[in-house]
Amino acid sequence: MSKTKLTVNSNGSLKVHGDFEIVDKDGNEYNLQGRDIVSICRCGLSANKPFCDGSHKGNFDHEAIAFDLPPKKV
């Protein structure tokens, strides 16, 4: 089983790669038709939500640069 990797793309989607499932709010699984890579919409403009359809191009601005979160609250 491969480790799941989530990539935050600059000015775009979240790319999910690996062994994963995506479910709706009721726990129903989306049929990914065997895909092990999908892109998830972050901009809210996709007609295919929760999946990215490229609608963000020119309409979404976020430079994806990793940083450390503050310590976890106990």
PDB file of N, CA and C in Angstrom:
ATOM      1  N   MET A   1       0.856  -1.178   0.000  1.00  0.00           N
ATOM      2  CA  MET A   1       0.000   0.000   0.000  1.00  0.00           C
ATOM      3  C   MET A   1       0.897   1.234   0.000  1.00  0.00           C
ATOM      4  N   SER A   2       0.648   2.138  -0.946  1.00  0.00           N
ATOM      5  CA  SER A   2       1.454   3.348  -1.015  1.00  0.00           C
ATOM      6  C   SER A   2       0.922   4.407  -0.049  1.00  0.00           C
ATOM      7  N   LYS A   3       1.825   5.226   0.411  1.00  0.00           N
ATOM      8  CA  LYS A   3       1.470   6.324   1.301  1.00  0.00           C
ATOM      9  C   LYS A   3       0.705   7.373   0.492  1.00  0.00           C
ATOM     10  N   THR A   4      -0.358   7.903   1.068  1.00  0.00           N
ATOM     11  CA  THR A   4      -1.135   8.933   0.390  1.00  0.00           C
ATOM     12  C   THR A   4      -0.392  10.256   0.480  1.00  0.00           C
ATOM     13  N   LYS A   5      -0.326  10.957  -0.639  1.00  0.00           N
ATOM     14  CA  LYS A   5       0.355  12.248  -0.703  1.00  0.00           C
ATOM     15  C   LYS A   5      -0.644  13.296  -1.180  1.00  0.00           C
ATOM     16  N   LEU A   6      -0.711  14.409  -0.468  1.00  0.00           N
ATOM     17  CA  LEU A   6      -1.572  15.524  -0.839  1.00  0.00           C
ATOM     18  C   LEU A   6      -0.669  16.699  -1.173  1.00  0.00           C
ATOM     19  N   THR A   7      -0.752  17.194  -2.411  1.00  0.00           N
ATOM     20  CA  THR A   7       0.075  18.311  -2.859  1.00  0.00           C
ATOM     21  C   THR A   7      -0.794  19.546  -3.019  1.00  0.00           C
ATOM     22  N   VAL A   8      -0.394  20.633  -2.364  1.00  0.00           N
ATOM     23  CA  VAL A   8      -1.089  21.915  -2.501  1.00  0.00           C
ATOM     24  C   VAL A   8      -0.443  22.632  -3.681  1.00  0.00           C
ATOM     25  N   ASN A   9      -1.176  22.777  -4.770  1.00  0.00           N
ATOM     26  CA  ASN A   9      -0.662  23.444  -5.963  1.00  0.00           C
ATOM     27  C   ASN A   9      -0.839  24.951  -5.855  1.00  0.00           C
ATOM     28  N   SER A  10       0.180  25.693  -6.262  1.00  0.00           N
ATOM     29  CA  SER A  10       0.055  27.144  -6.295  1.00  0.00           C
ATOM     30  C   SER A  10      -1.053  27.527  -7.265  1.00  0.00           C
ATOM     31  N   ASN A  11      -1.895  28.463  -6.851  1.00  0.00           N
ATOM     32  CA  ASN A  11      -2.976  28.990  -7.693  1.00  0.00           C
ATOM     33  C   ASN A  11      -3.874  27.898  -8.255  1.00  0.00           C
ATOM     34  N   GLY A  12      -4.100  26.836  -7.479  1.00  0.00           N
ATOM     35  CA  GLY A  12      -4.913  25.757  -8.017  1.00  0.00           C
ATOM     36  C   GLY A  12      -5.361  24.747  -6.994  1.00  0.00           C
ATOM     37  N   SER A  13      -5.472  23.532  -7.449  1.00  0.00           N
ATOM     38  CA  SER A  13      -6.111  22.436  -6.728  1.00  0.00           C
ATOM     39  C   SER A  13      -5.226  21.795  -5.670  1.00  0.00           C
ATOM     40  N   LEU A  14      -5.849  20.849  -4.964  1.00  0.00           N
ATOM     41  CA  LEU A  14      -5.135  19.915  -4.098  1.00  0.00           C
ATOM     42  C   LEU A  14      -5.041  18.607  -4.870  1.00  0.00           C
ATOM     43  N   LYS A  15      -3.834  18.128  -5.120  1.00  0.00           N
ATOM     44  CA  LYS A  15      -3.656  16.869  -5.838  1.00  0.00           C
ATOM     45  C   LYS A  15      -3.487  15.759  -4.808  1.00  0.00           C
ATOM     46  N   VAL A  16      -4.332  14.723  -4.902  1.00  0.00           N
ATOM     47  CA  VAL A  16      -4.269  13.566  -4.019  1.00  0.00           C
ATOM     48  C   VAL A  16      -3.724  12.403  -4.839  1.00  0.00           C
ATOM     49  N   HIS A  17      -2.681  11.745  -4.291  1.00  0.00           N
ATOM     50  CA  HIS A  17      -2.026  10.662  -5.012  1.00  0.00           C
ATOM     51  C   HIS A  17      -1.744   9.523  -4.045  1.00  0.00           C
ATOM     52  N   GLY A  18      -2.073   8.310  -4.422  1.00  0.00           N
ATOM     53  CA  GLY A  18      -1.792   7.148  -3.585  1.00  0.00           C
ATOM     54  C   GLY A  18      -3.022   6.293  -3.384  1.00  0.00           C
ATOM     55  N   ASP A  19      -3.082   5.660  -2.221  1.00  0.00           N
ATOM     56  CA  ASP A  19      -4.203   4.791  -1.870  1.00  0.00           C
ATOM     57  C   ASP A  19      -5.154   5.588  -0.981  1.00  0.00           C
ATOM     58  N   PHE A  20      -6.323   5.930  -1.490  1.00  0.00           N
ATOM     59  CA  PHE A  20      -7.264   6.763  -0.748  1.00  0.00           C
ATOM     60  C   PHE A  20      -8.686   6.502  -1.231  1.00  0.00           C
ATOM     61  N   GLU A  21      -9.632   6.946  -0.463  1.00  0.00           N
ATOM     62  CA  GLU A  21     -11.030   6.973  -0.895  1.00  0.00           C
ATOM     63  C   GLU A  21     -11.554   8.364  -0.579  1.00  0.00           C
ATOM     64  N   ILE A  22     -12.537   8.796  -1.332  1.00  0.00           N
ATOM     65  CA  ILE A  22     -13.183  10.088  -1.100  1.00  0.00           C
ATOM     66  C   ILE A  22     -14.659   9.804  -0.878  1.00  0.00           C
ATOM     67  N   VAL A  23     -15.181  10.329   0.221  1.00  0.00           N
ATOM     68  CA  VAL A  23     -16.585  10.106   0.558  1.00  0.00           C
ATOM     69  C   VAL A  23     -17.301  11.448   0.709  1.00  0.00           C
ATOM     70  N   ASP A  24     -18.625  11.417   0.522  1.00  0.00           N
ATOM     71  CA  ASP A  24     -19.431  12.623   0.706  1.00  0.00           C
ATOM     72  C   ASP A  24     -19.783  12.786   2.183  1.00  0.00           C
ATOM     73  N   LYS A  25     -20.582  13.790   2.504  1.00  0.00           N
ATOM     74  CA  LYS A  25     -20.924  14.104   3.896  1.00  0.00           C
ATOM     75  C   LYS A  25     -21.649  12.967   4.599  1.00  0.00           C
ATOM     76  N   ASP A  26     -22.269  12.068   3.828  1.00  0.00           N
ATOM     77  CA  ASP A  26     -22.993  10.939   4.408  1.00  0.00           C
ATOM     78  C   ASP A  26     -22.173   9.652   4.425  1.00  0.00           C
ATOM     79  N   GLY A  27     -20.912   9.743   3.996  1.00  0.00           N
ATOM     80  CA  GLY A  27     -20.046   8.567   3.977  1.00  0.00           C
ATOM     81  C   GLY A  27     -20.130   7.742   2.706  1.00  0.00           C
ATOM     82  N   ASN A  28     -20.873   8.215   1.701  1.00  0.00           N
ATOM     83  CA  ASN A  28     -20.976   7.506   0.427  1.00  0.00           C
ATOM     84  C   ASN A  28     -19.714   7.740  -0.393  1.00  0.00           C
ATOM     85  N   GLU A  29     -19.148   6.673  -0.910  1.00  0.00           N
ATOM     86  CA  GLU A  29     -17.888   6.760  -1.639  1.00  0.00           C
ATOM     87  C   GLU A  29     -18.103   7.198  -3.092  1.00  0.00           C
ATOM     88  N   TYR A  30     -17.269   8.158  -3.548  1.00  0.00           N
ATOM     89  CA  TYR A  30     -17.242   8.531  -4.962  1.00  0.00           C
ATOM     90  C   TYR A  30     -16.571   7.404  -5.729  1.00  0.00           C
ATOM     91  N   ASN A  31     -17.103   7.033  -6.882  1.00  0.00           N
ATOM     92  CA  ASN A  31     -16.495   6.014  -7.728  1.00  0.00           C
ATOM     93  C   ASN A  31     -15.413   6.689  -8.569  1.00  0.00           C
ATOM     94  N   LEU A  32     -14.174   6.460  -8.219  1.00  0.00           N
ATOM     95  CA  LEU A  32     -13.045   7.111  -8.884  1.00  0.00           C
ATOM     96  C   LEU A  32     -12.573   6.343 -10.116  1.00  0.00           C
ATOM     97  N   GLN A  33     -13.274   5.284 -10.475  1.00  0.00           N
ATOM     98  CA  GLN A  33     -12.978   4.518 -11.691  1.00  0.00           C
ATOM     99  C   GLN A  33     -11.522   4.061 -11.754  1.00  0.00           C
ATOM    100  N   GLY A  34     -10.951   3.665 -10.605  1.00  0.00           N
ATOM    101  CA  GLY A  34      -9.598   3.128 -10.564  1.00  0.00           C
ATOM    102  C   GLY A  34      -8.485   4.165 -10.500  1.00  0.00           C
ATOM    103  N   ARG A  35      -8.827   5.437 -10.435  1.00  0.00           N
ATOM    104  CA  ARG A  35      -7.785   6.470 -10.382  1.00  0.00           C
ATOM    105  C   ARG A  35      -7.037   6.433  -9.056  1.00  0.00           C
ATOM    106  N   ASP A  36      -5.719   6.689  -9.105  1.00  0.00           N
ATOM    107  CA  ASP A  36      -4.948   6.854  -7.887  1.00  0.00           C
ATOM    108  C   ASP A  36      -4.384   8.265  -7.786  1.00  0.00           C
ATOM    109  N   ILE A  37      -4.823   9.140  -8.698  1.00  0.00           N
ATOM    110  CA  ILE A  37      -4.512  10.568  -8.643  1.00  0.00           C
ATOM    111  C   ILE A  37      -5.778  11.329  -9.019  1.00  0.00           C
ATOM    112  N   VAL A  38      -6.183  12.262  -8.181  1.00  0.00           N
ATOM    113  CA  VAL A  38      -7.282  13.178  -8.502  1.00  0.00           C
ATOM    114  C   VAL A  38      -6.907  14.564  -7.991  1.00  0.00           C
ATOM    115  N   SER A  39      -7.544  15.577  -8.535  1.00  0.00           N
ATOM    116  CA  SER A  39      -7.352  16.945  -8.076  1.00  0.00           C
ATOM    117  C   SER A  39      -8.651  17.449  -7.481  1.00  0.00           C
ATOM    118  N   ILE A  40      -8.541  18.021  -6.283  1.00  0.00           N
ATOM    119  CA  ILE A  40      -9.694  18.519  -5.546  1.00  0.00           C
ATOM    120  C   ILE A  40      -9.746  20.041  -5.666  1.00  0.00           C
ATOM    121  N   CYS A  41     -10.926  20.566  -5.948  1.00  0.00           N
ATOM    122  CA  CYS A  41     -11.135  22.007  -6.115  1.00  0.00           C
ATOM    123  C   CYS A  41     -10.909  22.743  -4.790  1.00  0.00           C
ATOM    124  N   ARG A  42     -10.176  23.853  -4.842  1.00  0.00           N
ATOM    125  CA  ARG A  42     -10.007  24.737  -3.680  1.00  0.00           C
ATOM    126  C   ARG A  42     -10.679  26.080  -3.898  1.00  0.00           C
ATOM    127  N   CYS A  43     -10.970  26.438  -5.136  1.00  0.00           N
ATOM    128  CA  CYS A  43     -11.459  27.791  -5.433  1.00  0.00           C
ATOM    129  C   CYS A  43     -12.975  27.908  -5.358  1.00  0.00           C
ATOM    130  N   GLY A  44     -13.680  26.786  -5.466  1.00  0.00           N
ATOM    131  CA  GLY A  44     -15.139  26.807  -5.435  1.00  0.00           C
ATOM    132  C   GLY A  44     -15.792  27.078  -6.773  1.00  0.00           C
ATOM    133  N   LEU A  45     -15.008  27.212  -7.836  1.00  0.00           N
ATOM    134  CA  LEU A  45     -15.561  27.547  -9.149  1.00  0.00           C
ATOM    135  C   LEU A  45     -15.840  26.339 -10.039  1.00  0.00           C
ATOM    136  N   SER A  46     -15.347  25.165  -9.672  1.00  0.00           N
ATOM    137  CA  SER A  46     -15.495  23.977 -10.507  1.00  0.00           C
ATOM    138  C   SER A  46     -16.957  23.578 -10.675  1.00  0.00           C
ATOM    139  N   ALA A  47     -17.312  23.174 -11.877  1.00  0.00           N
ATOM    140  CA  ALA A  47     -18.645  22.634 -12.139  1.00  0.00           C
ATOM    141  C   ALA A  47     -18.681  21.150 -11.772  1.00  0.00           C
ATOM    142  N   ASN A  48     -17.557  20.600 -11.397  1.00  0.00           N
ATOM    143  CA  ASN A  48     -17.415  19.179 -11.112  1.00  0.00           C
ATOM    144  C   ASN A  48     -16.988  18.956  -9.654  1.00  0.00           C
ATOM    145  N   LYS A  49     -17.398  19.859  -8.745  1.00  0.00           N
ATOM    146  CA  LYS A  49     -16.991  19.753  -7.342  1.00  0.00           C
ATOM    147  C   LYS A  49     -17.387  18.411  -6.761  1.00  0.00           C
ATOM    148  N   PRO A  50     -16.550  17.807  -5.953  1.00  0.00           N
ATOM    149  CA  PRO A  50     -15.377  18.368  -5.302  1.00  0.00           C
ATOM    150  C   PRO A  50     -14.114  18.299  -6.150  1.00  0.00           C
ATOM    151  N   PHE A  51     -14.214  17.850  -7.390  1.00  0.00           N
ATOM    152  CA  PHE A  51     -13.050  17.678  -8.242  1.00  0.00           C
ATOM    153  C   PHE A  51     -12.777  18.939  -9.049  1.00  0.00           C
ATOM    154  N   CYS A  52     -11.514  19.166  -9.336  1.00  0.00           N
ATOM    155  CA  CYS A  52     -11.085  20.349 -10.080  1.00  0.00           C
ATOM    156  C   CYS A  52     -11.348  20.154 -11.570  1.00  0.00           C
ATOM    157  N   ASP A  53     -11.861  21.196 -12.222  1.00  0.00           N
ATOM    158  CA  ASP A  53     -12.034  21.162 -13.680  1.00  0.00           C
ATOM    159  C   ASP A  53     -11.232  22.266 -14.373  1.00  0.00           C
ATOM    160  N   GLY A  54     -10.356  22.941 -13.619  1.00  0.00           N
ATOM    161  CA  GLY A  54      -9.511  23.985 -14.196  1.00  0.00           C
ATOM    162  C   GLY A  54     -10.122  25.369 -14.191  1.00  0.00           C
ATOM    163  N   SER A  55     -11.322  25.519 -13.636  1.00  0.00           N
ATOM    164  CA  SER A  55     -12.000  26.825 -13.628  1.00  0.00           C
ATOM    165  C   SER A  55     -11.243  27.896 -12.848  1.00  0.00           C
ATOM    166  N   HIS A  56     -10.328  27.476 -11.975  1.00  0.00           N
ATOM    167  CA  HIS A  56      -9.577  28.417 -11.144  1.00  0.00           C
ATOM    168  C   HIS A  56      -8.615  29.279 -11.944  1.00  0.00           C
ATOM    169  N   LYS A  57      -8.224  28.847 -13.121  1.00  0.00           N
ATOM    170  CA  LYS A  57      -7.194  29.559 -13.885  1.00  0.00           C
ATOM    171  C   LYS A  57      -7.555  31.034 -14.057  1.00  0.00           C
ATOM    172  N   GLY A  58      -6.688  31.884 -13.512  1.00  0.00           N
ATOM    173  CA  GLY A  58      -6.890  33.321 -13.591  1.00  0.00           C
ATOM    174  C   GLY A  58      -7.857  33.872 -12.557  1.00  0.00           C
ATOM    175  N   ASN A  59      -8.433  33.001 -11.720  1.00  0.00           N
ATOM    176  CA  ASN A  59      -9.435  33.430 -10.737  1.00  0.00           C
ATOM    177  C   ASN A  59      -9.083  33.065  -9.303  1.00  0.00           C
ATOM    178  N   PHE A  60      -7.905  32.532  -9.078  1.00  0.00           N
ATOM    179  CA  PHE A  60      -7.554  32.044  -7.745  1.00  0.00           C
ATOM    180  C   PHE A  60      -6.078  32.309  -7.522  1.00  0.00           C
ATOM    181  N   ASP A  61      -5.746  32.932  -6.404  1.00  0.00           N
ATOM    182  CA  ASP A  61      -4.367  33.310  -6.141  1.00  0.00           C
ATOM    183  C   ASP A  61      -3.931  32.805  -4.779  1.00  0.00           C
ATOM    184  N   HIS A  62      -3.025  31.833  -4.776  1.00  0.00           N
ATOM    185  CA  HIS A  62      -2.440  31.331  -3.528  1.00  0.00           C
ATOM    186  C   HIS A  62      -1.098  30.701  -3.845  1.00  0.00           C
ATOM    187  N   GLU A  63      -0.036  31.257  -3.299  1.00  0.00           N
ATOM    188  CA  GLU A  63       1.303  30.702  -3.475  1.00  0.00           C
ATOM    189  C   GLU A  63       1.499  29.601  -2.446  1.00  0.00           C
ATOM    190  N   ALA A  64       1.634  28.376  -2.872  1.00  0.00           N
ATOM    191  CA  ALA A  64       1.750  27.230  -1.977  1.00  0.00           C
ATOM    192  C   ALA A  64       3.183  27.078  -1.491  1.00  0.00           C
ATOM    193  N   ILE A  65       3.429  27.505  -0.268  1.00  0.00           N
ATOM    194  CA  ILE A  65       4.741  27.381   0.363  1.00  0.00           C
ATOM    195  C   ILE A  65       4.517  26.765   1.744  1.00  0.00           C
ATOM    196  N   ALA A  66       5.192  25.660   2.022  1.00  0.00           N
ATOM    197  CA  ALA A  66       5.011  24.945   3.285  1.00  0.00           C
ATOM    198  C   ALA A  66       5.508  25.772   4.475  1.00  0.00           C
ATOM    199  N   PHE A  67       4.851  25.580   5.608  1.00  0.00           N
ATOM    200  CA  PHE A  67       5.250  26.232   6.860  1.00  0.00           C
ATOM    201  C   PHE A  67       4.857  25.335   8.015  1.00  0.00           C
ATOM    202  N   ASP A  68       5.396  25.602   9.186  1.00  0.00           N
ATOM    203  CA  ASP A  68       5.091  24.821  10.383  1.00  0.00           C
ATOM    204  C   ASP A  68       3.836  25.366  11.056  1.00  0.00           C
ATOM    205  N   LEU A  69       2.919  24.487  11.403  1.00  0.00           N
ATOM    206  CA  LEU A  69       1.753  24.883  12.195  1.00  0.00           C
ATOM    207  C   LEU A  69       2.191  25.152  13.629  1.00  0.00           C
ATOM    208  N   PRO A  70       1.406  25.943  14.367  1.00  0.00           N
ATOM    209  CA  PRO A  70       1.723  26.103  15.785  1.00  0.00           C
ATOM    210  C   PRO A  70       1.545  24.758  16.498  1.00  0.00           C
ATOM    211  N   PRO A  71       2.136  24.602  17.680  1.00  0.00           N
ATOM    212  CA  PRO A  71       2.004  23.341  18.412  1.00  0.00           C
ATOM    213  C   PRO A  71       0.535  22.944  18.598  1.00  0.00           C
ATOM    214  N   LYS A  72       0.297  21.656  18.575  1.00  0.00           N
ATOM    215  CA  LYS A  72      -1.039  21.105  18.771  1.00  0.00           C
ATOM    216  C   LYS A  72      -1.532  21.429  20.179  1.00  0.00           C
ATOM    217  N   LYS A  73      -2.779  21.882  20.268  1.00  0.00           N
ATOM    218  CA  LYS A  73      -3.369  22.177  21.581  1.00  0.00           C
ATOM    219  C   LYS A  73      -3.675  20.874  22.302  1.00  0.00           C
ATOM    220  N   VAL A  74      -3.390  20.871  23.585  1.00  0.00           N
ATOM    221  CA  VAL A  74      -3.591  19.648  24.372  1.00  0.00           C
ATOM    222  C   VAL A  74      -4.838  19.769  25.211  1.00  0.00           C
TER     223      VAL A  74
END
